[in-house]
Amino acid sequence: MPLRGGIVGLPNVGKSTLFNALTSGKALAANYPFATKDPNIGMIMVPDPRLDELARIAQPQKVIPNTIEIVDIAGLIKGASQGEGLGNQFLATIREVEAIVHVVRCFEDDNVIHVDGSIDPARDKEIIDIELLFKDMETLDKRIERLKKQTKGSNKDEARQLEIALELKKHLELGKAARLFPCEPKDQPLVDELFLLTGKPIVYVCNVDEPSVHTGNKYTNALKQVIDAENKIAGPHAQAEMILISAAIEAEIAQLDTKEERKEFIEAIGLDEPGVNKVIRSCYKLLNLITYFTVGEKEVRAWTIHKGDLAPQAAGVIHTDFEKGFIRAEVMNYDDYTKYGSELAVKEAGRLMVQGKEYEVKDGDIMHFRFNV
């Protein structure tokens, strides 16, 4: 299953324009609130130059990149937690995503209506934060009631989760997101089991005009101050990301037919890469994901795993039988493979490693698994 990210934000901030650029999809991008009523879903191929280089060397029949599923969710307004606008639908959909891509308007344009009448990204962020907090408090109230009934026995985990839920409720009532909740590492799984909306990893995408893509502007600076202040009290696992993108530029890039045309356009406006690449990298970073590769005559393929996963877990991403019957992994370093030009040459150079069950997979590893079921 690919990871799933949800694009959220107030109406008319550029969510659907960004979605179309990410997926080359056909989501309606219109200048009125709730142009997106139902969530649009698209698949993004994760750009990775290493995959292109491996394919160039191996000349496989197929090349299969990693993918991310992106959901463009209806715009949120004040009162969504009580069902205003399309709030209930929005909140139900966002619960299903693993990472939140929060698009915030940071540009001026009299021709594009702002639902609250002025440009203020810090206020816009707070509106969505508050609505998610209200929904999380509702979730916690139900869970606390259930846990109180369940913890009359001697189940220590349930008793501890009740304590955490009560502490979390106080935390949320102070207007603080669940991801900012100070928590011992051993208790983090119990927090995660509460499935709170404000506990999800988040990247803030500042939708700016073309000149501000390189330097930012007064709106992005104001939002950065708010995000930096939150990150100072967040744990290492809960750091929010912030990136600058012009959805209008990304839409132009997406309309170009060839890689060469896109490259020329990007260079002409002084960018190193499409902004959508930044979004994808931020999602990977937030979710602590890395990539390993399999290389053969039939296919070269990228696989997504979590940083810290051991070889059997990585094998299980291909097929559960690979993990159950894991014997060993044959591992090549990406740099070695591209240097020597083939698996045989890497082996002859003494650079092919045989690893067991305790091997921690590195980003960029090229792997073959031996298993027996």
Protein backbone atom coordinates (compact mmCIF):
# COMPACT_ATOMS: atom_id res chain seq x y z
CA MET A 1 0.00 0.00 0.00
CA PRO A 2 1.38 3.45 -0.90
CA LEU A 3 1.47 6.09 1.79
CA ARG A 4 -1.45 8.51 1.75
CA GLY A 5 -1.20 12.28 2.11
CA GLY A 6 -4.15 14.65 2.40
CA ILE A 7 -4.14 18.19 1.00
CA VAL A 8 -6.08 20.48 3.33
CA GLY A 9 -6.68 24.18 3.75
CA LEU A 10 -9.32 26.87 3.65
CA PRO A 11 -11.34 27.27 0.44
CA ASN A 12 -9.58 29.04 -2.46
CA VAL A 13 -6.00 28.73 -1.20
CA GLY A 14 -4.78 26.65 -4.15
CA LYS A 15 -5.36 23.08 -2.93
CA SER A 16 -6.87 21.74 -6.13
CA THR A 17 -4.37 23.60 -8.31
CA LEU A 18 -1.57 21.96 -6.33
CA PHE A 19 -3.31 18.58 -6.52
CA ASN A 20 -3.53 18.85 -10.30
CA ALA A 21 0.15 19.77 -10.50
CA LEU A 22 1.12 16.86 -8.26
CA THR A 23 -0.95 14.26 -10.06
CA SER A 24 -1.55 15.83 -13.49
CA GLY A 25 -5.16 15.22 -12.52
CA LYS A 26 -8.34 17.00 -13.47
CA ALA A 27 -9.65 18.26 -10.12
CA LEU A 28 -11.86 21.32 -10.49
CA ALA A 29 -9.89 24.46 -9.58
CA ALA A 30 -12.41 27.30 -9.36
CA ASN A 31 -12.70 30.70 -7.70
CA TYR A 32 -15.49 29.98 -5.22
CA PRO A 33 -15.76 28.11 -1.91
CA PHE A 34 -16.33 24.33 -1.97
CA ALA A 35 -15.40 23.89 -5.64
CA THR A 36 -14.11 20.55 -4.36
CA LYS A 37 -17.03 18.76 -2.70
CA ASP A 38 -15.83 15.18 -2.88
CA PRO A 39 -12.23 14.19 -2.23
CA ASN A 40 -10.18 13.77 -5.41
CA ILE A 41 -7.62 10.98 -5.26
CA GLY A 42 -4.51 10.68 -7.41
CA MET A 43 -1.28 8.71 -7.51
CA ILE A 44 2.12 10.42 -7.65
CA MET A 45 5.25 8.70 -8.87
CA VAL A 46 8.04 9.60 -6.46
CA PRO A 47 10.89 11.23 -8.41
CA ASP A 48 14.24 9.60 -7.63
CA PRO A 49 17.28 10.19 -9.86
CA ARG A 50 18.87 7.04 -8.43
CA LEU A 51 16.13 4.91 -9.98
CA ASP A 52 16.78 6.49 -13.38
CA GLU A 53 20.50 5.78 -13.07
CA LEU A 54 19.93 2.16 -12.03
CA ALA A 55 17.61 1.68 -15.00
CA ARG A 56 20.19 3.18 -17.34
CA ILE A 57 22.77 0.65 -16.17
CA ALA A 58 20.55 -2.46 -15.86
CA GLN A 59 18.37 -1.81 -18.95
CA PRO A 60 15.37 -3.68 -17.45
CA GLN A 61 12.06 -4.45 -19.15
CA LYS A 62 10.21 -2.35 -16.56
CA VAL A 63 11.00 0.49 -14.16
CA ILE A 64 8.66 0.85 -11.17
CA PRO A 65 9.00 3.90 -8.89
CA ASN A 66 7.60 4.43 -5.44
CA THR A 67 4.17 6.04 -5.32
CA ILE A 68 2.24 8.31 -2.98
CA GLU A 69 -1.54 8.54 -2.92
CA ILE A 70 -2.68 12.15 -2.63
CA VAL A 71 -6.18 13.15 -1.54
CA ASP A 72 -7.54 16.63 -2.30
CA ILE A 73 -10.01 17.26 0.51
CA ALA A 74 -12.85 19.79 0.53
CA GLY A 75 -12.00 23.22 1.98
CA LEU A 76 -12.53 23.73 5.71
CA ILE A 77 -14.23 26.70 7.37
CA LYS A 78 -14.96 27.84 10.92
CA GLY A 79 -17.47 25.51 12.55
CA ALA A 80 -16.43 22.45 10.55
CA SER A 81 -16.17 20.39 13.74
CA GLN A 82 -19.88 21.07 14.24
CA GLY A 83 -20.66 20.18 10.63
CA GLU A 84 -20.48 23.65 9.05
CA GLY A 85 -19.72 23.72 5.34
CA LEU A 86 -18.43 20.29 4.40
CA GLY A 87 -16.80 19.82 7.78
CA ASN A 88 -17.97 16.32 8.65
CA GLN A 89 -16.88 14.99 5.27
CA PHE A 90 -13.53 16.80 5.55
CA LEU A 91 -12.79 15.45 9.00
CA ALA A 92 -13.78 11.89 8.10
CA THR A 93 -11.45 11.93 5.09
CA ILE A 94 -8.48 13.48 6.89
CA ARG A 95 -8.65 10.73 9.50
CA GLU A 96 -7.67 8.24 6.80
CA VAL A 97 -4.43 9.95 5.67
CA GLU A 98 -0.97 9.41 7.14
CA ALA A 99 0.43 12.89 6.54
CA ILE A 100 -1.24 16.28 6.16
CA VAL A 101 -0.24 18.73 3.43
CA HIS A 102 -1.69 22.03 4.68
CA VAL A 103 -1.83 24.63 1.88
CA VAL A 104 -1.81 28.21 3.14
CA ARG A 105 -2.41 31.22 0.93
CA CYS A 106 0.56 33.61 1.03
CA PHE A 107 -0.11 35.73 -2.08
CA GLU A 108 -2.19 38.77 -2.96
CA ASP A 109 -4.64 38.68 -5.85
CA ASP A 110 -7.83 40.75 -5.95
CA ASN A 111 -9.26 38.33 -8.50
CA VAL A 112 -9.12 35.35 -6.11
CA ILE A 113 -11.64 35.51 -3.29
CA HIS A 114 -10.44 34.79 0.27
CA VAL A 115 -13.15 33.16 2.37
CA ASP A 116 -12.32 35.45 5.33
CA GLY A 117 -11.76 38.62 3.29
CA SER A 118 -8.02 39.16 3.90
CA ILE A 119 -4.63 37.46 3.64
CA ASP A 120 -3.44 36.25 7.04
CA PRO A 121 -1.74 32.83 6.94
CA ALA A 122 -1.22 32.62 10.72
CA ARG A 123 -4.97 33.17 11.25
CA ASP A 124 -5.82 30.67 8.49
CA LYS A 125 -3.60 28.06 10.09
CA GLU A 126 -5.23 28.67 13.46
CA ILE A 127 -8.74 28.22 12.01
CA ILE A 128 -7.93 24.72 10.81
CA ASP A 129 -5.94 23.89 13.95
CA ILE A 130 -8.91 24.82 16.16
CA GLU A 131 -11.43 22.79 14.15
CA LEU A 132 -9.17 19.73 14.28
CA LEU A 133 -8.65 20.27 18.02
CA PHE A 134 -12.40 20.39 18.62
CA LYS A 135 -12.83 17.12 16.75
CA ASP A 136 -9.97 15.53 18.70
CA MET A 137 -11.54 16.59 22.01
CA GLU A 138 -14.78 14.96 20.92
CA THR A 139 -12.83 11.79 20.06
CA LEU A 140 -11.04 11.87 23.42
CA ASP A 141 -14.27 12.32 25.38
CA LYS A 142 -15.67 9.15 23.80
CA ARG A 143 -12.44 7.23 24.36
CA ILE A 144 -12.16 8.38 28.00
CA GLU A 145 -15.72 7.27 28.70
CA ARG A 146 -15.01 3.86 27.17
CA LEU A 147 -11.68 3.47 28.99
CA LYS A 148 -13.26 4.32 32.35
CA LYS A 149 -15.64 1.40 31.86
CA GLN A 150 -12.84 -0.93 30.72
CA THR A 151 -10.23 -0.13 33.38
CA LYS A 152 -12.11 -1.45 36.37
CA GLY A 153 -9.94 -4.55 36.08
CA SER A 154 -6.15 -4.81 36.28
CA ASN A 155 -5.16 -4.09 32.67
CA LYS A 156 -2.15 -1.79 33.10
CA ASP A 157 -2.07 -0.69 29.44
CA GLU A 158 -5.70 0.43 29.54
CA ALA A 159 -5.13 2.21 32.85
CA ARG A 160 -2.11 4.02 31.42
CA GLN A 161 -3.98 4.94 28.24
CA LEU A 162 -6.74 6.46 30.35
CA GLU A 163 -4.15 8.56 32.19
CA ILE A 164 -2.66 9.65 28.88
CA ALA A 165 -6.07 10.45 27.39
CA LEU A 166 -6.92 12.65 30.39
CA GLU A 167 -3.54 14.43 30.18
CA LEU A 168 -3.97 14.87 26.42
CA LYS A 169 -7.39 16.43 26.87
CA LYS A 170 -5.93 19.07 29.17
CA HIS A 171 -3.18 19.64 26.61
CA LEU A 172 -5.69 20.12 23.77
CA GLU A 173 -7.82 22.46 25.88
CA LEU A 174 -4.79 24.78 25.99
CA GLY A 175 -5.03 25.00 22.18
CA LYS A 176 -2.00 22.76 21.55
CA ALA A 177 -1.90 20.05 18.88
CA ALA A 178 -1.57 16.42 19.94
CA ARG A 179 1.75 16.16 18.09
CA LEU A 180 3.14 18.72 20.59
CA PHE A 181 2.15 16.58 23.58
CA PRO A 182 5.21 15.79 25.74
CA CYS A 183 5.37 12.04 25.90
CA GLU A 184 7.80 9.34 26.98
CA PRO A 185 8.90 7.14 24.04
CA LYS A 186 7.44 4.07 25.77
CA ASP A 187 4.01 5.78 25.86
CA GLN A 188 4.02 6.94 22.24
CA PRO A 189 2.27 3.78 20.93
CA LEU A 190 -0.57 4.42 23.38
CA VAL A 191 -0.89 8.00 22.11
CA ASP A 192 -0.84 6.79 18.50
CA GLU A 193 -3.68 4.37 19.24
CA LEU A 194 -5.96 7.35 19.92
CA PHE A 195 -5.76 8.29 16.19
CA LEU A 196 -6.00 12.04 16.78
CA LEU A 197 -6.14 14.39 13.80
CA THR A 198 -3.73 16.91 15.34
CA GLY A 199 -1.24 14.13 16.00
CA LYS A 200 -0.58 13.54 12.30
CA PRO A 201 2.69 14.69 10.71
CA ILE A 202 2.21 17.96 8.82
CA VAL A 203 3.91 19.99 6.10
CA TYR A 204 2.80 23.57 5.51
CA VAL A 205 2.86 24.53 1.84
CA CYS A 206 2.99 28.30 1.41
CA ASN A 207 1.30 29.07 -1.90
CA VAL A 208 3.12 32.21 -3.07
CA ASP A 209 3.40 34.34 -6.20
CA GLU A 210 6.30 33.69 -8.60
CA PRO A 211 8.75 36.32 -7.22
CA SER A 212 8.30 34.97 -3.68
CA VAL A 213 9.21 31.37 -4.54
CA HIS A 214 12.91 32.16 -4.03
CA THR A 215 12.83 34.56 -1.07
CA GLY A 216 9.44 34.27 0.61
CA ASN A 217 7.46 37.36 1.63
CA LYS A 218 5.89 39.02 4.67
CA TYR A 219 3.17 36.38 4.79
CA THR A 220 5.55 33.39 4.72
CA ASN A 221 7.78 35.09 7.31
CA ALA A 222 4.81 35.52 9.65
CA LEU A 223 3.78 31.89 9.25
CA LYS A 224 7.35 30.68 9.76
CA GLN A 225 7.50 32.41 13.14
CA VAL A 226 4.41 30.52 14.29
CA ILE A 227 5.69 27.16 13.00
CA ASP A 228 9.18 27.70 14.47
CA ALA A 229 7.65 28.45 17.86
CA GLU A 230 5.71 25.18 17.75
CA ASN A 231 8.73 23.20 16.61
CA LYS A 232 10.73 24.45 19.60
CA ILE A 233 8.40 22.56 21.94
CA ALA A 234 7.78 19.59 19.65
CA GLY A 235 9.73 16.38 19.98
CA PRO A 236 12.04 15.16 17.18
CA HIS A 237 9.24 12.99 15.75
CA ALA A 238 6.77 15.91 15.61
CA GLN A 239 8.65 18.62 13.73
CA ALA A 240 6.48 20.35 11.13
CA GLU A 241 7.90 21.18 7.70
CA MET A 242 7.32 24.39 5.74
CA ILE A 243 8.02 24.86 2.04
CA LEU A 244 7.39 27.59 -0.54
CA ILE A 245 5.57 26.74 -3.76
CA SER A 246 3.75 28.67 -6.42
CA ALA A 247 0.80 26.47 -7.36
CA ALA A 248 0.38 28.54 -10.53
CA ILE A 249 3.97 27.77 -11.61
CA GLU A 250 3.51 24.08 -10.74
CA ALA A 251 0.35 24.01 -12.87
CA GLU A 252 2.32 25.41 -15.84
CA ILE A 253 5.06 22.80 -15.37
CA ALA A 254 2.47 20.01 -15.25
CA GLN A 255 1.03 21.14 -18.60
CA LEU A 256 4.34 20.66 -20.43
CA ASP A 257 4.61 17.40 -22.37
CA THR A 258 8.25 16.34 -22.08
CA LYS A 259 10.98 16.18 -19.44
CA GLU A 260 13.12 18.45 -21.61
CA GLU A 261 10.42 21.12 -21.80
CA ARG A 262 9.86 20.96 -18.05
CA LYS A 263 13.59 21.18 -17.37
CA GLU A 264 13.97 24.24 -19.64
CA PHE A 265 11.00 25.98 -18.02
CA ILE A 266 12.27 25.27 -14.48
CA GLU A 267 15.73 26.58 -15.32
CA ALA A 268 14.27 29.68 -17.01
CA ILE A 269 12.53 30.76 -13.81
CA GLY A 270 15.57 29.98 -11.66
CA LEU A 271 14.38 26.84 -9.89
CA ASP A 272 16.41 23.68 -9.29
CA GLU A 273 13.39 21.35 -9.45
CA PRO A 274 9.59 21.36 -9.46
CA GLY A 275 8.10 22.37 -6.13
CA VAL A 276 6.07 19.17 -6.07
CA ASN A 277 9.33 17.28 -5.48
CA LYS A 278 9.73 19.24 -2.24
CA VAL A 279 6.26 18.17 -1.14
CA ILE A 280 7.07 14.52 -1.71
CA ARG A 281 10.44 14.71 0.07
CA SER A 282 8.81 16.47 3.01
CA CYS A 283 6.20 13.70 3.31
CA TYR A 284 8.95 11.08 3.32
CA LYS A 285 10.88 12.98 5.97
CA LEU A 286 7.80 13.49 8.15
CA LEU A 287 6.91 9.80 8.02
CA ASN A 288 10.54 8.70 8.55
CA LEU A 289 10.61 6.80 5.26
CA ILE A 290 13.54 5.63 3.14
CA THR A 291 13.93 3.79 -0.18
CA TYR A 292 15.69 0.60 -1.14
CA PHE A 293 15.90 -0.91 -4.63
CA THR A 294 15.70 -4.27 -6.36
CA VAL A 295 17.56 -4.53 -9.66
CA GLY A 296 17.26 -7.22 -12.34
CA GLU A 297 16.77 -7.85 -16.03
CA LYS A 298 12.98 -7.89 -15.71
CA GLU A 299 12.58 -4.80 -13.56
CA VAL A 300 14.25 -2.12 -11.51
CA ARG A 301 12.02 -1.12 -8.63
CA ALA A 302 11.97 1.25 -5.67
CA TRP A 303 10.46 0.14 -2.35
CA THR A 304 9.41 2.30 0.61
CA ILE A 305 10.20 1.28 4.19
CA HIS A 306 10.63 3.04 7.52
CA LYS A 307 14.04 4.16 8.66
CA GLY A 308 15.30 1.58 11.15
CA ASP A 309 13.53 -1.37 9.50
CA LEU A 310 15.53 -4.59 9.51
CA ALA A 311 16.14 -6.78 6.46
CA PRO A 312 13.19 -9.18 7.11
CA GLN A 313 10.78 -6.23 7.40
CA ALA A 314 12.10 -4.79 4.16
CA ALA A 315 11.62 -8.17 2.49
CA GLY A 316 8.05 -8.28 3.79
CA VAL A 317 7.19 -5.17 1.78
CA ILE A 318 7.67 -7.26 -1.37
CA HIS A 319 5.71 -10.24 -0.03
CA THR A 320 4.83 -11.48 3.44
CA ASP A 321 6.38 -14.87 2.58
CA PHE A 322 9.74 -13.15 2.10
CA GLU A 323 9.63 -11.99 5.72
CA LYS A 324 8.28 -15.25 7.17
CA GLY A 325 10.89 -17.40 5.43
CA PHE A 326 13.76 -14.88 5.45
CA ILE A 327 17.22 -16.50 5.27
CA ARG A 328 19.55 -13.68 4.26
CA ALA A 329 19.87 -10.55 2.16
CA GLU A 330 22.49 -9.84 -0.47
CA VAL A 331 23.16 -6.10 -0.32
CA MET A 332 24.96 -3.69 -2.63
CA ASN A 333 25.63 -0.05 -1.96
CA TYR A 334 24.13 2.26 -4.60
CA ASP A 335 27.44 4.07 -5.11
CA ASP A 336 29.27 0.77 -5.58
CA TYR A 337 26.75 -0.46 -8.14
CA THR A 338 26.92 2.73 -10.19
CA LYS A 339 30.73 2.75 -9.90
CA TYR A 340 31.31 -0.85 -11.03
CA GLY A 341 28.37 -1.08 -13.41
CA SER A 342 26.94 -4.52 -12.63
CA GLU A 343 26.20 -6.93 -9.80
CA LEU A 344 28.94 -9.27 -11.03
CA ALA A 345 31.52 -6.48 -10.98
CA VAL A 346 30.46 -5.45 -7.47
CA LYS A 347 30.84 -9.06 -6.32
CA GLU A 348 34.25 -9.41 -7.96
CA ALA A 349 35.35 -6.22 -6.19
CA GLY A 350 34.39 -7.80 -2.88
CA ARG A 351 31.68 -5.22 -2.24
CA LEU A 352 28.62 -7.51 -2.19
CA MET A 353 27.54 -7.98 1.43
CA VAL A 354 25.59 -10.91 2.86
CA GLN A 355 23.43 -9.74 5.76
CA GLY A 356 21.22 -11.55 8.28
CA LYS A 357 18.07 -10.78 10.22
CA GLU A 358 19.61 -8.00 12.31
CA TYR A 359 20.77 -5.88 9.36
CA GLU A 360 19.30 -2.35 9.39
CA VAL A 361 18.50 -1.37 5.82
CA LYS A 362 20.08 1.88 4.59
CA ASP A 363 18.53 4.39 2.22
CA GLY A 364 19.64 3.49 -1.31
CA ASP A 365 20.56 -0.14 -0.60
CA ILE A 366 20.17 -2.55 -3.53
CA MET A 367 18.91 -5.86 -2.19
CA HIS A 368 18.18 -9.44 -3.15
CA PHE A 369 16.45 -11.69 -0.60
CA ARG A 370 16.87 -15.41 -0.04
CA PHE A 371 13.93 -17.06 1.69
CA ASN A 372 12.30 -20.41 2.25
CA VAL A 373 8.64 -21.02 3.07
